[in-house]
């Protein structure tokens, strides 16, 4: 297994107060891959509302909660403050 190079890791900030965090993930992937949303698989099966829960009912900041999941060739980590990391896996 090789270490991820910085070019394979992309950092974004999601808006925790935004309407739908999963849409923000899809938009980020669309931007990274240069594809339309219709070219992407459904994200619902990957996160099933967990991001919305993380942002709408966040734990105390000292909990440093994060959600990590795989979606469309990326391993994605989203922190409760909206920081997101996209690591290309394929």
PDB file of N, CA and C in Angstrom:
ATOM      1  N   UNK A   1       0.840  -1.181   0.000  1.00  0.00           N
ATOM      2  CA  UNK A   1       0.000   0.000   0.000  1.00  0.00           C
ATOM      3  C   UNK A   1       0.885   1.244   0.000  1.00  0.00           C
ATOM      4  N   UNK A   2       0.549   2.206  -0.825  1.00  0.00           N
ATOM      5  CA  UNK A   2       1.354   3.417  -0.915  1.00  0.00           C
ATOM      6  C   UNK A   2       0.653   4.553  -0.197  1.00  0.00           C
ATOM      7  N   UNK A   3       1.438   5.537   0.222  1.00  0.00           N
ATOM      8  CA  UNK A   3       0.871   6.718   0.854  1.00  0.00           C
ATOM      9  C   UNK A   3       0.173   7.567  -0.198  1.00  0.00           C
ATOM     10  N   UNK A   4      -0.891   8.240   0.227  1.00  0.00           N
ATOM     11  CA  UNK A   4      -1.612   9.136  -0.674  1.00  0.00           C
ATOM     12  C   UNK A   4      -0.769  10.390  -0.900  1.00  0.00           C
ATOM     13  N   UNK A   5      -0.627  10.783  -2.139  1.00  0.00           N
ATOM     14  CA  UNK A   5       0.069  12.023  -2.423  1.00  0.00           C
ATOM     15  C   UNK A   5      -0.896  13.177  -2.256  1.00  0.00           C
ATOM     16  N   UNK A   6      -0.358  14.349  -2.056  1.00  0.00           N
ATOM     17  CA  UNK A   6      -1.191  15.531  -1.843  1.00  0.00           C
ATOM     18  C   UNK A   6      -2.116  15.791  -3.026  1.00  0.00           C
ATOM     19  N   UNK A   7      -1.720  15.391  -4.240  1.00  0.00           N
ATOM     20  CA  UNK A   7      -2.568  15.617  -5.409  1.00  0.00           C
ATOM     21  C   UNK A   7      -3.796  14.709  -5.405  1.00  0.00           C
ATOM     22  N   UNK A   8      -3.771  13.629  -4.621  1.00  0.00           N
ATOM     23  CA  UNK A   8      -4.903  12.717  -4.531  1.00  0.00           C
ATOM     24  C   UNK A   8      -5.847  13.081  -3.393  1.00  0.00           C
ATOM     25  N   UNK A   9      -5.487  14.076  -2.592  1.00  0.00           N
ATOM     26  CA  UNK A   9      -6.297  14.506  -1.463  1.00  0.00           C
ATOM     27  C   UNK A   9      -6.791  15.923  -1.721  1.00  0.00           C
ATOM     28  N   UNK A  10      -8.101  16.101  -1.633  1.00  0.00           N
ATOM     29  CA  UNK A  10      -8.699  17.413  -1.847  1.00  0.00           C
ATOM     30  C   UNK A  10      -9.480  17.788  -0.599  1.00  0.00           C
ATOM     31  N   UNK A  11      -9.274  19.008  -0.143  1.00  0.00           N
ATOM     32  CA  UNK A  11      -9.991  19.504   1.029  1.00  0.00           C
ATOM     33  C   UNK A  11     -11.050  20.506   0.582  1.00  0.00           C
ATOM     34  N   UNK A  12     -12.209  20.403   1.138  1.00  0.00           N
ATOM     35  CA  UNK A  12     -13.311  21.324   0.882  1.00  0.00           C
ATOM     36  C   UNK A  12     -13.965  21.665   2.209  1.00  0.00           C
ATOM     37  N   UNK A  13     -14.734  22.736   2.221  1.00  0.00           N
ATOM     38  CA  UNK A  13     -15.522  23.080   3.395  1.00  0.00           C
ATOM     39  C   UNK A  13     -16.985  23.083   2.997  1.00  0.00           C
ATOM     40  N   UNK A  14     -17.763  22.248   3.675  1.00  0.00           N
ATOM     41  CA  UNK A  14     -19.199  22.193   3.444  1.00  0.00           C
ATOM     42  C   UNK A  14     -19.876  23.202   4.359  1.00  0.00           C
ATOM     43  N   UNK A  15     -21.051  23.649   3.993  1.00  0.00           N
ATOM     44  CA  UNK A  15     -21.813  24.589   4.810  1.00  0.00           C
ATOM     45  C   UNK A  15     -22.715  23.799   5.746  1.00  0.00           C
ATOM     46  N   UNK A  16     -22.368  23.728   7.049  1.00  0.00           N
ATOM     47  CA  UNK A  16     -23.203  22.979   7.990  1.00  0.00           C
ATOM     48  C   UNK A  16     -24.631  23.519   8.097  1.00  0.00           C
ATOM     49  N   UNK A  17     -24.836  24.782   7.717  1.00  0.00           N
ATOM     50  CA  UNK A  17     -26.166  25.381   7.754  1.00  0.00           C
ATOM     51  C   UNK A  17     -26.878  25.279   6.413  1.00  0.00           C
ATOM     52  N   UNK A  18     -26.241  24.671   5.429  1.00  0.00           N
ATOM     53  CA  UNK A  18     -26.824  24.535   4.099  1.00  0.00           C
ATOM     54  C   UNK A  18     -28.016  23.584   4.103  1.00  0.00           C
ATOM     55  N   UNK A  19     -28.768  23.634   3.021  1.00  0.00           N
ATOM     56  CA  UNK A  19     -29.986  22.838   2.908  1.00  0.00           C
ATOM     57  C   UNK A  19     -29.740  21.340   2.972  1.00  0.00           C
ATOM     58  N   UNK A  20     -28.808  20.820   2.175  1.00  0.00           N
ATOM     59  CA  UNK A  20     -28.621  19.381   2.093  1.00  0.00           C
ATOM     60  C   UNK A  20     -27.132  19.070   1.929  1.00  0.00           C
ATOM     61  N   UNK A  21     -26.489  18.550   2.973  1.00  0.00           N
ATOM     62  CA  UNK A  21     -25.050  18.289   2.876  1.00  0.00           C
ATOM     63  C   UNK A  21     -24.689  17.237   1.831  1.00  0.00           C
ATOM     64  N   UNK A  22     -25.575  16.277   1.569  1.00  0.00           N
ATOM     65  CA  UNK A  22     -25.241  15.274   0.558  1.00  0.00           C
ATOM     66  C   UNK A  22     -25.181  15.890  -0.833  1.00  0.00           C
ATOM     67  N   UNK A  23     -25.996  16.921  -1.077  1.00  0.00           N
ATOM     68  CA  UNK A  23     -25.925  17.628  -2.356  1.00  0.00           C
ATOM     69  C   UNK A  23     -24.571  18.322  -2.479  1.00  0.00           C
ATOM     70  N   UNK A  24     -24.061  18.854  -1.381  1.00  0.00           N
ATOM     71  CA  UNK A  24     -22.753  19.497  -1.402  1.00  0.00           C
ATOM     72  C   UNK A  24     -21.650  18.486  -1.727  1.00  0.00           C
ATOM     73  N   UNK A  25     -21.778  17.263  -1.231  1.00  0.00           N
ATOM     74  CA  UNK A  25     -20.816  16.207  -1.555  1.00  0.00           C
ATOM     75  C   UNK A  25     -20.880  15.890  -3.046  1.00  0.00           C
ATOM     76  N   UNK A  26     -22.082  15.727  -3.561  1.00  0.00           N
ATOM     77  CA  UNK A  26     -22.256  15.436  -4.992  1.00  0.00           C
ATOM     78  C   UNK A  26     -21.681  16.564  -5.841  1.00  0.00           C
ATOM     79  N   UNK A  27     -21.938  17.810  -5.454  1.00  0.00           N
ATOM     80  CA  UNK A  27     -21.395  18.945  -6.203  1.00  0.00           C
ATOM     81  C   UNK A  27     -19.873  18.937  -6.193  1.00  0.00           C
ATOM     82  N   UNK A  28     -19.279  18.583  -5.067  1.00  0.00           N
ATOM     83  CA  UNK A  28     -17.816  18.513  -4.988  1.00  0.00           C
ATOM     84  C   UNK A  28     -17.272  17.422  -5.915  1.00  0.00           C
ATOM     85  N   UNK A  29     -17.916  16.256  -5.914  1.00  0.00           N
ATOM     86  CA  UNK A  29     -17.486  15.165  -6.800  1.00  0.00           C
ATOM     87  C   UNK A  29     -17.666  15.560  -8.261  1.00  0.00           C
ATOM     88  N   UNK A  30     -18.781  16.219  -8.583  1.00  0.00           N
ATOM     89  CA  UNK A  30     -19.005  16.690  -9.952  1.00  0.00           C
ATOM     90  C   UNK A  30     -17.861  17.595 -10.381  1.00  0.00           C
ATOM     91  N   UNK A  31     -17.445  18.495  -9.494  1.00  0.00           N
ATOM     92  CA  UNK A  31     -16.359  19.418  -9.787  1.00  0.00           C
ATOM     93  C   UNK A  31     -15.031  18.670  -9.945  1.00  0.00           C
ATOM     94  N   UNK A  32     -14.755  17.738  -9.043  1.00  0.00           N
ATOM     95  CA  UNK A  32     -13.497  16.992  -9.092  1.00  0.00           C
ATOM     96  C   UNK A  32     -13.391  16.097 -10.321  1.00  0.00           C
ATOM     97  N   UNK A  33     -14.498  15.499 -10.703  1.00  0.00           N
ATOM     98  CA  UNK A  33     -14.496  14.539 -11.807  1.00  0.00           C
ATOM     99  C   UNK A  33     -14.899  15.154 -13.141  1.00  0.00           C
ATOM    100  N   UNK A  34     -15.465  16.354 -13.129  1.00  0.00           N
ATOM    101  CA  UNK A  34     -15.920  16.977 -14.360  1.00  0.00           C
ATOM    102  C   UNK A  34     -17.096  16.239 -14.976  1.00  0.00           C
ATOM    103  N   UNK A  35     -18.007  15.756 -14.125  1.00  0.00           N
ATOM    104  CA  UNK A  35     -19.173  15.005 -14.593  1.00  0.00           C
ATOM    105  C   UNK A  35     -20.454  15.686 -14.127  1.00  0.00           C
ATOM    106  N   UNK A  36     -21.569  15.254 -14.696  1.00  0.00           N
ATOM    107  CA  UNK A  36     -22.895  15.723 -14.311  1.00  0.00           C
ATOM    108  C   UNK A  36     -23.432  14.803 -13.210  1.00  0.00           C
ATOM    109  N   UNK A  37     -24.371  15.290 -12.439  1.00  0.00           N
ATOM    110  CA  UNK A  37     -24.929  14.489 -11.351  1.00  0.00           C
ATOM    111  C   UNK A  37     -25.581  13.201 -11.856  1.00  0.00           C
ATOM    112  N   UNK A  38     -26.077  13.215 -13.089  1.00  0.00           N
ATOM    113  CA  UNK A  38     -26.701  12.004 -13.638  1.00  0.00           C
ATOM    114  C   UNK A  38     -25.674  10.915 -13.933  1.00  0.00           C
ATOM    115  N   UNK A  39     -24.386  11.278 -13.954  1.00  0.00           N
ATOM    116  CA  UNK A  39     -23.320  10.305 -14.180  1.00  0.00           C
ATOM    117  C   UNK A  39     -22.862   9.633 -12.884  1.00  0.00           C
ATOM    118  N   UNK A  40     -23.381  10.100 -11.748  1.00  0.00           N
ATOM    119  CA  UNK A  40     -22.959   9.586 -10.446  1.00  0.00           C
ATOM    120  C   UNK A  40     -24.005   8.629  -9.865  1.00  0.00           C
ATOM    121  N   UNK A  41     -23.540   7.645  -9.090  1.00  0.00           N
ATOM    122  CA  UNK A  41     -24.492   6.752  -8.429  1.00  0.00           C
ATOM    123  C   UNK A  41     -25.199   7.484  -7.292  1.00  0.00           C
ATOM    124  N   UNK A  42     -26.302   6.920  -6.831  1.00  0.00           N
ATOM    125  CA  UNK A  42     -27.006   7.535  -5.717  1.00  0.00           C
ATOM    126  C   UNK A  42     -26.117   7.528  -4.475  1.00  0.00           C
ATOM    127  N   UNK A  43     -26.151   8.605  -3.734  1.00  0.00           N
ATOM    128  CA  UNK A  43     -25.330   8.713  -2.530  1.00  0.00           C
ATOM    129  C   UNK A  43     -26.111   8.273  -1.293  1.00  0.00           C
ATOM    130  N   UNK A  44     -27.419   8.167  -1.431  1.00  0.00           N
ATOM    131  CA  UNK A  44     -28.261   7.846  -0.277  1.00  0.00           C
ATOM    132  C   UNK A  44     -27.836   6.550   0.398  1.00  0.00           C
ATOM    133  N   UNK A  45     -27.495   5.528  -0.375  1.00  0.00           N
ATOM    134  CA  UNK A  45     -27.104   4.247   0.204  1.00  0.00           C
ATOM    135  C   UNK A  45     -25.783   4.335   0.984  1.00  0.00           C
ATOM    136  N   UNK A  46     -24.981   5.340   0.702  1.00  0.00           N
ATOM    137  CA  UNK A  46     -23.691   5.486   1.379  1.00  0.00           C
ATOM    138  C   UNK A  46     -23.814   6.161   2.740  1.00  0.00           C
ATOM    139  N   UNK A  47     -24.644   7.191   2.821  1.00  0.00           N
ATOM    140  CA  UNK A  47     -24.692   7.971   4.056  1.00  0.00           C
ATOM    141  C   UNK A  47     -26.064   8.023   4.713  1.00  0.00           C
ATOM    142  N   UNK A  48     -27.133   7.737   3.990  1.00  0.00           N
ATOM    143  CA  UNK A  48     -28.465   7.575   4.545  1.00  0.00           C
ATOM    144  C   UNK A  48     -28.838   8.626   5.598  1.00  0.00           C
ATOM    145  N   UNK A  49     -28.605   9.895   5.304  1.00  0.00           N
ATOM    146  CA  UNK A  49     -29.008  10.975   6.206  1.00  0.00           C
ATOM    147  C   UNK A  49     -28.053  11.265   7.351  1.00  0.00           C
ATOM    148  N   UNK A  50     -26.927  10.548   7.447  1.00  0.00           N
ATOM    149  CA  UNK A  50     -25.997  10.769   8.561  1.00  0.00           C
ATOM    150  C   UNK A  50     -25.384  12.164   8.538  1.00  0.00           C
ATOM    151  N   UNK A  51     -25.102  12.690   7.353  1.00  0.00           N
ATOM    152  CA  UNK A  51     -24.510  14.030   7.292  1.00  0.00           C
ATOM    153  C   UNK A  51     -25.505  15.082   7.759  1.00  0.00           C
ATOM    154  N   UNK A  52     -26.751  14.943   7.354  1.00  0.00           N
ATOM    155  CA  UNK A  52     -27.776  15.890   7.795  1.00  0.00           C
ATOM    156  C   UNK A  52     -27.884  15.859   9.316  1.00  0.00           C
ATOM    157  N   UNK A  53     -27.846  14.686   9.892  1.00  0.00           N
ATOM    158  CA  UNK A  53     -27.910  14.548  11.357  1.00  0.00           C
ATOM    159  C   UNK A  53     -26.679  15.163  12.013  1.00  0.00           C
ATOM    160  N   UNK A  54     -25.514  14.937  11.429  1.00  0.00           N
ATOM    161  CA  UNK A  54     -24.274  15.491  11.975  1.00  0.00           C
ATOM    162  C   UNK A  54     -24.339  17.016  12.039  1.00  0.00           C
ATOM    163  N   UNK A  55     -24.897  17.636  10.991  1.00  0.00           N
ATOM    164  CA  UNK A  55     -24.965  19.094  10.942  1.00  0.00           C
ATOM    165  C   UNK A  55     -26.171  19.663  11.680  1.00  0.00           C
ATOM    166  N   UNK A  56     -27.301  18.965  11.689  1.00  0.00           N
ATOM    167  CA  UNK A  56     -28.505  19.526  12.317  1.00  0.00           C
ATOM    168  C   UNK A  56     -28.524  19.307  13.820  1.00  0.00           C
ATOM    169  N   UNK A  57     -27.826  18.288  14.300  1.00  0.00           N
ATOM    170  CA  UNK A  57     -27.806  17.989  15.722  1.00  0.00           C
ATOM    171  C   UNK A  57     -26.381  17.637  16.142  1.00  0.00           C
ATOM    172  N   UNK A  58     -25.456  18.598  15.957  1.00  0.00           N
ATOM    173  CA  UNK A  58     -24.049  18.276  16.190  1.00  0.00           C
ATOM    174  C   UNK A  58     -23.742  18.046  17.666  1.00  0.00           C
ATOM    175  N   UNK A  59     -22.817  17.142  17.937  1.00  0.00           N
ATOM    176  CA  UNK A  59     -22.363  16.968  19.316  1.00  0.00           C
ATOM    177  C   UNK A  59     -21.529  18.176  19.737  1.00  0.00           C
ATOM    178  N   UNK A  60     -21.150  18.214  20.983  1.00  0.00           N
ATOM    179  CA  UNK A  60     -20.304  19.307  21.484  1.00  0.00           C
ATOM    180  C   UNK A  60     -19.020  19.371  20.657  1.00  0.00           C
ATOM    181  N   UNK A  61     -18.503  20.581  20.408  1.00  0.00           N
ATOM    182  CA  UNK A  61     -17.289  20.721  19.585  1.00  0.00           C
ATOM    183  C   UNK A  61     -16.121  19.854  20.064  1.00  0.00           C
ATOM    184  N   UNK A  62     -16.001  19.657  21.366  1.00  0.00           N
ATOM    185  CA  UNK A  62     -14.882  18.853  21.869  1.00  0.00           C
ATOM    186  C   UNK A  62     -15.008  17.366  21.504  1.00  0.00           C
ATOM    187  N   UNK A  63     -16.181  16.945  21.034  1.00  0.00           N
ATOM    188  CA  UNK A  63     -16.353  15.555  20.598  1.00  0.00           C
ATOM    189  C   UNK A  63     -15.580  15.281  19.307  1.00  0.00           C
ATOM    190  N   UNK A  64     -15.382  16.308  18.494  1.00  0.00           N
ATOM    191  CA  UNK A  64     -14.660  16.189  17.229  1.00  0.00           C
ATOM    192  C   UNK A  64     -15.199  15.034  16.385  1.00  0.00           C
ATOM    193  N   UNK A  65     -16.519  14.963  16.261  1.00  0.00           N
ATOM    194  CA  UNK A  65     -17.189  13.902  15.506  1.00  0.00           C
ATOM    195  C   UNK A  65     -16.917  14.048  14.024  1.00  0.00           C
ATOM    196  N   UNK A  66     -16.778  12.920  13.343  1.00  0.00           N
ATOM    197  CA  UNK A  66     -16.635  12.918  11.895  1.00  0.00           C
ATOM    198  C   UNK A  66     -17.308  11.673  11.331  1.00  0.00           C
ATOM    199  N   UNK A  67     -17.705  11.792  10.071  1.00  0.00           N
ATOM    200  CA  UNK A  67     -18.310  10.682   9.342  1.00  0.00           C
ATOM    201  C   UNK A  67     -17.386  10.364   8.183  1.00  0.00           C
ATOM    202  N   UNK A  68     -17.100   9.082   7.996  1.00  0.00           N
ATOM    203  CA  UNK A  68     -16.219   8.662   6.906  1.00  0.00           C
ATOM    204  C   UNK A  68     -16.935   7.585   6.098  1.00  0.00           C
ATOM    205  N   UNK A  69     -16.888   7.729   4.782  1.00  0.00           N
ATOM    206  CA  UNK A  69     -17.561   6.775   3.912  1.00  0.00           C
ATOM    207  C   UNK A  69     -16.919   6.783   2.535  1.00  0.00           C
ATOM    208  N   UNK A  70     -17.222   5.753   1.749  1.00  0.00           N
ATOM    209  CA  UNK A  70     -16.738   5.661   0.378  1.00  0.00           C
ATOM    210  C   UNK A  70     -17.870   6.006  -0.574  1.00  0.00           C
ATOM    211  N   UNK A  71     -17.514   6.768  -1.619  1.00  0.00           N
ATOM    212  CA  UNK A  71     -18.493   7.133  -2.637  1.00  0.00           C
ATOM    213  C   UNK A  71     -17.763   7.459  -3.935  1.00  0.00           C
ATOM    214  N   UNK A  72     -18.142   6.820  -4.997  1.00  0.00           N
ATOM    215  CA  UNK A  72     -17.651   7.090  -6.358  1.00  0.00           C
ATOM    216  C   UNK A  72     -16.135   7.326  -6.418  1.00  0.00           C
ATOM    217  N   UNK A  73     -15.373   6.303  -6.084  1.00  0.00           N
ATOM    218  CA  UNK A  73     -13.907   6.325  -6.168  1.00  0.00           C
ATOM    219  C   UNK A  73     -13.233   7.268  -5.168  1.00  0.00           C
ATOM    220  N   UNK A  74     -13.935   7.681  -4.124  1.00  0.00           N
ATOM    221  CA  UNK A  74     -13.353   8.546  -3.100  1.00  0.00           C
ATOM    222  C   UNK A  74     -13.658   8.004  -1.714  1.00  0.00           C
ATOM    223  N   UNK A  75     -12.728   8.183  -0.819  1.00  0.00           N
ATOM    224  CA  UNK A  75     -12.956   7.964   0.611  1.00  0.00           C
ATOM    225  C   UNK A  75     -13.134   9.368   1.171  1.00  0.00           C
ATOM    226  N   UNK A  76     -14.310   9.638   1.728  1.00  0.00           N
ATOM    227  CA  UNK A  76     -14.681  10.988   2.132  1.00  0.00           C
ATOM    228  C   UNK A  76     -14.819  11.048   3.645  1.00  0.00           C
ATOM    229  N   UNK A  77     -14.195  12.036   4.240  1.00  0.00           N
ATOM    230  CA  UNK A  77     -14.315  12.277   5.672  1.00  0.00           C
ATOM    231  C   UNK A  77     -14.916  13.664   5.856  1.00  0.00           C
ATOM    232  N   UNK A  78     -15.998  13.742   6.629  1.00  0.00           N
ATOM    233  CA  UNK A  78     -16.657  15.013   6.898  1.00  0.00           C
ATOM    234  C   UNK A  78     -16.671  15.233   8.408  1.00  0.00           C
ATOM    235  N   UNK A  79     -16.121  16.355   8.833  1.00  0.00           N
ATOM    236  CA  UNK A  79     -16.102  16.704  10.251  1.00  0.00           C
ATOM    237  C   UNK A  79     -17.348  17.513  10.600  1.00  0.00           C
ATOM    238  N   UNK A  80     -17.683  17.558  11.876  1.00  0.00           N
ATOM    239  CA  UNK A  80     -18.893  18.254  12.308  1.00  0.00           C
ATOM    240  C   UNK A  80     -18.848  19.754  12.041  1.00  0.00           C
ATOM    241  N   UNK A  81     -17.658  20.321  11.817  1.00  0.00           N
ATOM    242  CA  UNK A  81     -17.544  21.746  11.506  1.00  0.00           C
ATOM    243  C   UNK A  81     -17.647  22.028  10.006  1.00  0.00           C
ATOM    244  N   UNK A  82     -17.830  20.981   9.192  1.00  0.00           N
ATOM    245  CA  UNK A  82     -17.996  21.147   7.761  1.00  0.00           C
ATOM    246  C   UNK A  82     -16.746  20.884   6.942  1.00  0.00           C
ATOM    247  N   UNK A  83     -15.609  20.697   7.570  1.00  0.00           N
ATOM    248  CA  UNK A  83     -14.392  20.387   6.817  1.00  0.00           C
ATOM    249  C   UNK A  83     -14.529  18.993   6.231  1.00  0.00           C
ATOM    250  N   UNK A  84     -14.189  18.876   4.959  1.00  0.00           N
ATOM    251  CA  UNK A  84     -14.313  17.604   4.264  1.00  0.00           C
ATOM    252  C   UNK A  84     -13.014  17.281   3.541  1.00  0.00           C
ATOM    253  N   UNK A  85     -12.676  16.000   3.524  1.00  0.00           N
ATOM    254  CA  UNK A  85     -11.478  15.539   2.838  1.00  0.00           C
ATOM    255  C   UNK A  85     -11.909  14.454   1.857  1.00  0.00           C
ATOM    256  N   UNK A  86     -11.482  14.587   0.617  1.00  0.00           N
ATOM    257  CA  UNK A  86     -11.782  13.633  -0.444  1.00  0.00           C
ATOM    258  C   UNK A  86     -10.467  12.985  -0.867  1.00  0.00           C
ATOM    259  N   UNK A  87     -10.345  11.676  -0.649  1.00  0.00           N
ATOM    260  CA  UNK A  87      -9.153  10.936  -1.029  1.00  0.00           C
ATOM    261  C   UNK A  87      -9.524  10.007  -2.177  1.00  0.00           C
ATOM    262  N   UNK A  88      -8.906  10.215  -3.311  1.00  0.00           N
ATOM    263  CA  UNK A  88      -9.197   9.383  -4.476  1.00  0.00           C
ATOM    264  C   UNK A  88      -8.671   7.973  -4.247  1.00  0.00           C
ATOM    265  N   UNK A  89      -9.555   6.993  -4.470  1.00  0.00           N
ATOM    266  CA  UNK A  89      -9.184   5.607  -4.210  1.00  0.00           C
ATOM    267  C   UNK A  89      -9.101   4.782  -5.477  1.00  0.00           C
ATOM    268  N   UNK A  90      -9.580   5.301  -6.573  1.00  0.00           N
ATOM    269  CA  UNK A  90      -9.558   4.509  -7.790  1.00  0.00           C
ATOM    270  C   UNK A  90      -9.588   5.337  -9.026  1.00  0.00           C
TER     271      UNK A  90
END
